[in-house]
Amino acid sequence: MTLSLDLNTDFIDRQYRLWRQDPAAVSEQWRFFFEGFTIGSGPAEPAPAAVLDRDLLLKHLKVAELIQRYRDIGHLLACLDPLTACPTDHP
């Protein structure tokens, strides 16, 4: 398949109709191309139900809260002055 064929919708439509009638009537490249459409056209299987572990969920929420606190007040604790030593105690 070349770029000029990709842009010719009539040709692609003709190839598709030929493939629907007889898959062997088109080249192997076109067969793979059209078979890809049929693979993705079916309904998706539902995802299995997730089992929630309450303790694990609480730990994740605490980590998210810690990250947010570092974002909010982390600049107050950062040692940004390169000319002075960083304090060892924190407010």
N, C-alpha and C. Protein backbone atom coordinates (compact mmCIF):
# COMPACT_ATOMS: atom_id res chain seq x y z
N MET A 1 0.85 -1.18 0.00
CA MET A 1 0.00 0.00 0.00
C MET A 1 0.89 1.23 0.00
N THR A 2 0.62 2.10 -0.91
CA THR A 2 1.39 3.34 -0.97
C THR A 2 0.51 4.48 -0.51
N LEU A 3 1.13 5.64 -0.33
CA LEU A 3 0.40 6.81 0.13
C LEU A 3 -0.69 7.20 -0.86
N SER A 4 -0.40 7.09 -2.17
CA SER A 4 -1.41 7.48 -3.16
C SER A 4 -2.63 6.57 -3.08
N LEU A 5 -2.45 5.30 -2.72
CA LEU A 5 -3.59 4.40 -2.58
C LEU A 5 -4.38 4.73 -1.32
N ASP A 6 -3.69 5.15 -0.27
CA ASP A 6 -4.38 5.48 0.98
C ASP A 6 -5.33 6.65 0.79
N LEU A 7 -5.02 7.54 -0.12
CA LEU A 7 -5.84 8.72 -0.32
C LEU A 7 -6.98 8.48 -1.31
N ASN A 8 -6.99 7.35 -2.01
CA ASN A 8 -8.01 7.07 -3.01
C ASN A 8 -9.12 6.24 -2.37
N THR A 9 -10.16 6.92 -1.91
CA THR A 9 -11.23 6.23 -1.18
C THR A 9 -12.02 5.28 -2.06
N ASP A 10 -12.17 5.60 -3.34
CA ASP A 10 -12.89 4.69 -4.24
C ASP A 10 -12.16 3.35 -4.35
N PHE A 11 -10.85 3.42 -4.47
CA PHE A 11 -10.06 2.19 -4.57
C PHE A 11 -10.18 1.37 -3.29
N ILE A 12 -10.09 2.04 -2.16
CA ILE A 12 -10.19 1.34 -0.88
C ILE A 12 -11.57 0.71 -0.73
N ASP A 13 -12.60 1.44 -1.12
CA ASP A 13 -13.96 0.91 -1.05
C ASP A 13 -14.11 -0.31 -1.95
N ARG A 14 -13.54 -0.26 -3.15
CA ARG A 14 -13.60 -1.40 -4.06
C ARG A 14 -12.88 -2.61 -3.46
N GLN A 15 -11.69 -2.36 -2.88
CA GLN A 15 -10.94 -3.44 -2.26
C GLN A 15 -11.72 -4.05 -1.09
N TYR A 16 -12.39 -3.19 -0.34
CA TYR A 16 -13.17 -3.68 0.79
C TYR A 16 -14.33 -4.55 0.32
N ARG A 17 -15.04 -4.11 -0.72
CA ARG A 17 -16.15 -4.92 -1.24
C ARG A 17 -15.66 -6.25 -1.78
N LEU A 18 -14.51 -6.23 -2.47
CA LEU A 18 -13.93 -7.49 -2.96
C LEU A 18 -13.58 -8.41 -1.79
N TRP A 19 -12.99 -7.84 -0.76
CA TRP A 19 -12.60 -8.62 0.41
C TRP A 19 -13.81 -9.23 1.11
N ARG A 20 -14.91 -8.48 1.18
CA ARG A 20 -16.14 -9.00 1.80
C ARG A 20 -16.68 -10.19 1.02
N GLN A 21 -16.58 -10.14 -0.31
CA GLN A 21 -17.07 -11.25 -1.13
C GLN A 21 -16.13 -12.45 -1.06
N ASP A 22 -14.82 -12.17 -1.20
CA ASP A 22 -13.83 -13.25 -1.20
C ASP A 22 -12.50 -12.68 -0.68
N PRO A 23 -12.12 -13.01 0.54
CA PRO A 23 -10.88 -12.46 1.09
C PRO A 23 -9.64 -12.78 0.26
N ALA A 24 -9.65 -13.88 -0.48
CA ALA A 24 -8.49 -14.24 -1.30
C ALA A 24 -8.39 -13.38 -2.56
N ALA A 25 -9.42 -12.58 -2.86
CA ALA A 25 -9.41 -11.76 -4.07
C ALA A 25 -8.54 -10.51 -3.93
N VAL A 26 -8.14 -10.18 -2.72
CA VAL A 26 -7.29 -9.00 -2.52
C VAL A 26 -5.91 -9.45 -2.03
N SER A 27 -4.95 -8.55 -2.09
CA SER A 27 -3.59 -8.90 -1.68
C SER A 27 -3.53 -9.15 -0.18
N GLU A 28 -2.45 -9.77 0.25
CA GLU A 28 -2.29 -10.12 1.66
C GLU A 28 -2.28 -8.87 2.55
N GLN A 29 -1.69 -7.78 2.05
CA GLN A 29 -1.66 -6.53 2.83
C GLN A 29 -3.07 -6.02 3.09
N TRP A 30 -3.91 -6.05 2.06
CA TRP A 30 -5.28 -5.57 2.22
C TRP A 30 -6.07 -6.51 3.13
N ARG A 31 -5.81 -7.82 3.06
CA ARG A 31 -6.49 -8.75 3.96
C ARG A 31 -6.17 -8.42 5.42
N PHE A 32 -4.90 -8.21 5.71
CA PHE A 32 -4.52 -7.84 7.09
C PHE A 32 -5.17 -6.53 7.50
N PHE A 33 -5.22 -5.59 6.57
CA PHE A 33 -5.81 -4.28 6.85
C PHE A 33 -7.28 -4.42 7.21
N PHE A 34 -8.04 -5.14 6.40
CA PHE A 34 -9.48 -5.27 6.64
C PHE A 34 -9.78 -6.20 7.81
N GLU A 35 -8.95 -7.22 8.04
CA GLU A 35 -9.16 -8.09 9.20
C GLU A 35 -8.97 -7.31 10.49
N GLY A 36 -8.12 -6.31 10.47
CA GLY A 36 -7.95 -5.46 11.64
C GLY A 36 -9.22 -4.73 12.00
N PHE A 37 -10.02 -4.37 10.99
CA PHE A 37 -11.30 -3.71 11.26
C PHE A 37 -12.26 -4.67 11.96
N THR A 38 -12.30 -5.91 11.53
CA THR A 38 -13.24 -6.85 12.13
C THR A 38 -12.82 -7.23 13.54
N ILE A 39 -11.52 -7.24 13.80
CA ILE A 39 -11.07 -7.57 15.15
C ILE A 39 -11.54 -6.51 16.14
N GLY A 40 -11.46 -5.25 15.75
CA GLY A 40 -11.83 -4.17 16.66
C GLY A 40 -13.29 -3.79 16.64
N SER A 41 -14.11 -4.46 15.85
CA SER A 41 -15.50 -4.03 15.73
C SER A 41 -16.44 -4.72 16.71
N GLY A 42 -15.98 -5.75 17.39
CA GLY A 42 -16.84 -6.47 18.33
C GLY A 42 -17.01 -5.70 19.63
N PRO A 43 -18.00 -6.09 20.41
CA PRO A 43 -18.20 -5.42 21.70
C PRO A 43 -17.07 -5.76 22.67
N ALA A 44 -16.72 -4.82 23.47
CA ALA A 44 -15.66 -5.02 24.46
C ALA A 44 -16.19 -5.83 25.63
N GLU A 45 -15.34 -6.67 26.17
CA GLU A 45 -15.74 -7.44 27.35
C GLU A 45 -15.70 -6.53 28.57
N PRO A 46 -16.65 -6.67 29.46
CA PRO A 46 -16.62 -5.82 30.65
C PRO A 46 -15.42 -6.15 31.53
N ALA A 47 -14.89 -5.13 32.14
CA ALA A 47 -13.75 -5.32 33.04
C ALA A 47 -14.22 -6.02 34.31
N PRO A 48 -13.38 -6.86 34.88
CA PRO A 48 -13.77 -7.52 36.12
C PRO A 48 -13.93 -6.48 37.24
N ALA A 49 -14.84 -6.77 38.13
CA ALA A 49 -15.09 -5.85 39.24
C ALA A 49 -13.86 -5.79 40.14
N ALA A 50 -13.49 -4.59 40.50
CA ALA A 50 -12.32 -4.41 41.36
C ALA A 50 -12.70 -4.64 42.82
N VAL A 51 -11.82 -5.30 43.52
CA VAL A 51 -12.02 -5.52 44.95
C VAL A 51 -11.25 -4.42 45.67
N LEU A 52 -11.97 -3.61 46.45
CA LEU A 52 -11.34 -2.50 47.15
C LEU A 52 -10.92 -2.93 48.54
N ASP A 53 -9.67 -2.69 48.85
CA ASP A 53 -9.15 -2.94 50.18
C ASP A 53 -9.15 -1.59 50.91
N ARG A 54 -9.95 -1.48 51.94
CA ARG A 54 -10.12 -0.21 52.64
C ARG A 54 -8.80 0.33 53.19
N ASP A 55 -7.99 -0.54 53.79
CA ASP A 55 -6.71 -0.09 54.36
C ASP A 55 -5.78 0.43 53.27
N LEU A 56 -5.72 -0.28 52.16
CA LEU A 56 -4.87 0.16 51.06
C LEU A 56 -5.35 1.49 50.49
N LEU A 57 -6.65 1.65 50.37
CA LEU A 57 -7.22 2.90 49.88
C LEU A 57 -6.87 4.06 50.80
N LEU A 58 -6.96 3.86 52.11
CA LEU A 58 -6.61 4.91 53.06
C LEU A 58 -5.13 5.27 52.97
N LYS A 59 -4.27 4.28 52.78
CA LYS A 59 -2.84 4.57 52.63
C LYS A 59 -2.58 5.41 51.38
N HIS A 60 -3.26 5.08 50.29
CA HIS A 60 -3.10 5.86 49.05
C HIS A 60 -3.57 7.29 49.24
N LEU A 61 -4.68 7.45 49.94
CA LEU A 61 -5.19 8.80 50.18
C LEU A 61 -4.23 9.61 51.06
N LYS A 62 -3.61 8.97 52.04
CA LYS A 62 -2.65 9.66 52.89
C LYS A 62 -1.42 10.08 52.09
N VAL A 63 -0.96 9.23 51.19
CA VAL A 63 0.18 9.59 50.35
C VAL A 63 -0.18 10.76 49.44
N ALA A 64 -1.38 10.74 48.86
CA ALA A 64 -1.81 11.85 48.01
C ALA A 64 -1.89 13.14 48.80
N GLU A 65 -2.36 13.06 50.04
CA GLU A 65 -2.43 14.24 50.90
C GLU A 65 -1.03 14.76 51.23
N LEU A 66 -0.09 13.86 51.51
CA LEU A 66 1.28 14.26 51.79
C LEU A 66 1.91 14.97 50.59
N ILE A 67 1.69 14.43 49.41
CA ILE A 67 2.21 15.06 48.20
C ILE A 67 1.63 16.46 48.03
N GLN A 68 0.34 16.60 48.28
CA GLN A 68 -0.30 17.91 48.15
C GLN A 68 0.26 18.90 49.17
N ARG A 69 0.54 18.43 50.37
CA ARG A 69 1.12 19.33 51.39
C ARG A 69 2.52 19.78 50.99
N TYR A 70 3.33 18.88 50.44
CA TYR A 70 4.65 19.28 49.95
C TYR A 70 4.51 20.33 48.85
N ARG A 71 3.52 20.18 48.00
CA ARG A 71 3.30 21.17 46.94
C ARG A 71 2.89 22.52 47.52
N ASP A 72 2.06 22.48 48.56
CA ASP A 72 1.56 23.73 49.15
C ASP A 72 2.61 24.47 49.97
N ILE A 73 3.34 23.75 50.84
CA ILE A 73 4.24 24.44 51.77
C ILE A 73 5.70 24.01 51.62
N GLY A 74 6.02 23.23 50.64
CA GLY A 74 7.39 22.75 50.47
C GLY A 74 8.38 23.87 50.24
N HIS A 75 7.96 24.94 49.57
CA HIS A 75 8.88 26.06 49.32
C HIS A 75 9.28 26.76 50.61
N LEU A 76 8.47 26.66 51.65
CA LEU A 76 8.81 27.28 52.93
C LEU A 76 9.93 26.53 53.64
N LEU A 77 10.04 25.24 53.39
CA LEU A 77 11.06 24.42 54.03
C LEU A 77 12.33 24.28 53.20
N ALA A 78 12.27 24.66 51.94
CA ALA A 78 13.41 24.48 51.05
C ALA A 78 14.52 25.48 51.37
N CYS A 79 15.74 25.04 51.24
CA CYS A 79 16.90 25.91 51.44
C CYS A 79 17.29 26.45 50.07
N LEU A 80 16.91 27.70 49.79
CA LEU A 80 17.08 28.27 48.47
C LEU A 80 18.26 29.23 48.36
N ASP A 81 18.86 29.61 49.47
CA ASP A 81 19.97 30.56 49.44
C ASP A 81 21.29 29.80 49.34
N PRO A 82 21.99 29.91 48.21
CA PRO A 82 23.23 29.14 48.04
C PRO A 82 24.41 29.70 48.83
N LEU A 83 24.26 30.91 49.41
CA LEU A 83 25.38 31.54 50.12
C LEU A 83 25.39 31.26 51.62
N THR A 84 24.30 30.73 52.14
CA THR A 84 24.25 30.43 53.58
C THR A 84 23.99 28.95 53.79
N ALA A 85 24.39 28.49 54.96
CA ALA A 85 24.16 27.08 55.29
C ALA A 85 22.68 26.85 55.58
N CYS A 86 22.22 25.69 55.25
CA CYS A 86 20.82 25.36 55.48
C CYS A 86 20.60 25.10 56.96
N PRO A 87 19.49 25.58 57.51
CA PRO A 87 19.20 25.30 58.93
C PRO A 87 18.92 23.82 59.14
N THR A 88 19.32 23.33 60.28
CA THR A 88 19.10 21.91 60.56
C THR A 88 17.76 21.66 61.23
N ASP A 89 17.18 22.71 61.81
CA ASP A 89 15.86 22.54 62.43
C ASP A 89 14.78 23.08 61.50
N HIS A 90 13.58 22.59 61.66
CA HIS A 90 12.46 22.99 60.81
C HIS A 90 11.42 23.70 61.66
N PRO A 91 10.71 24.64 61.05
CA PRO A 91 9.67 25.36 61.80
C PRO A 91 8.53 24.46 62.21
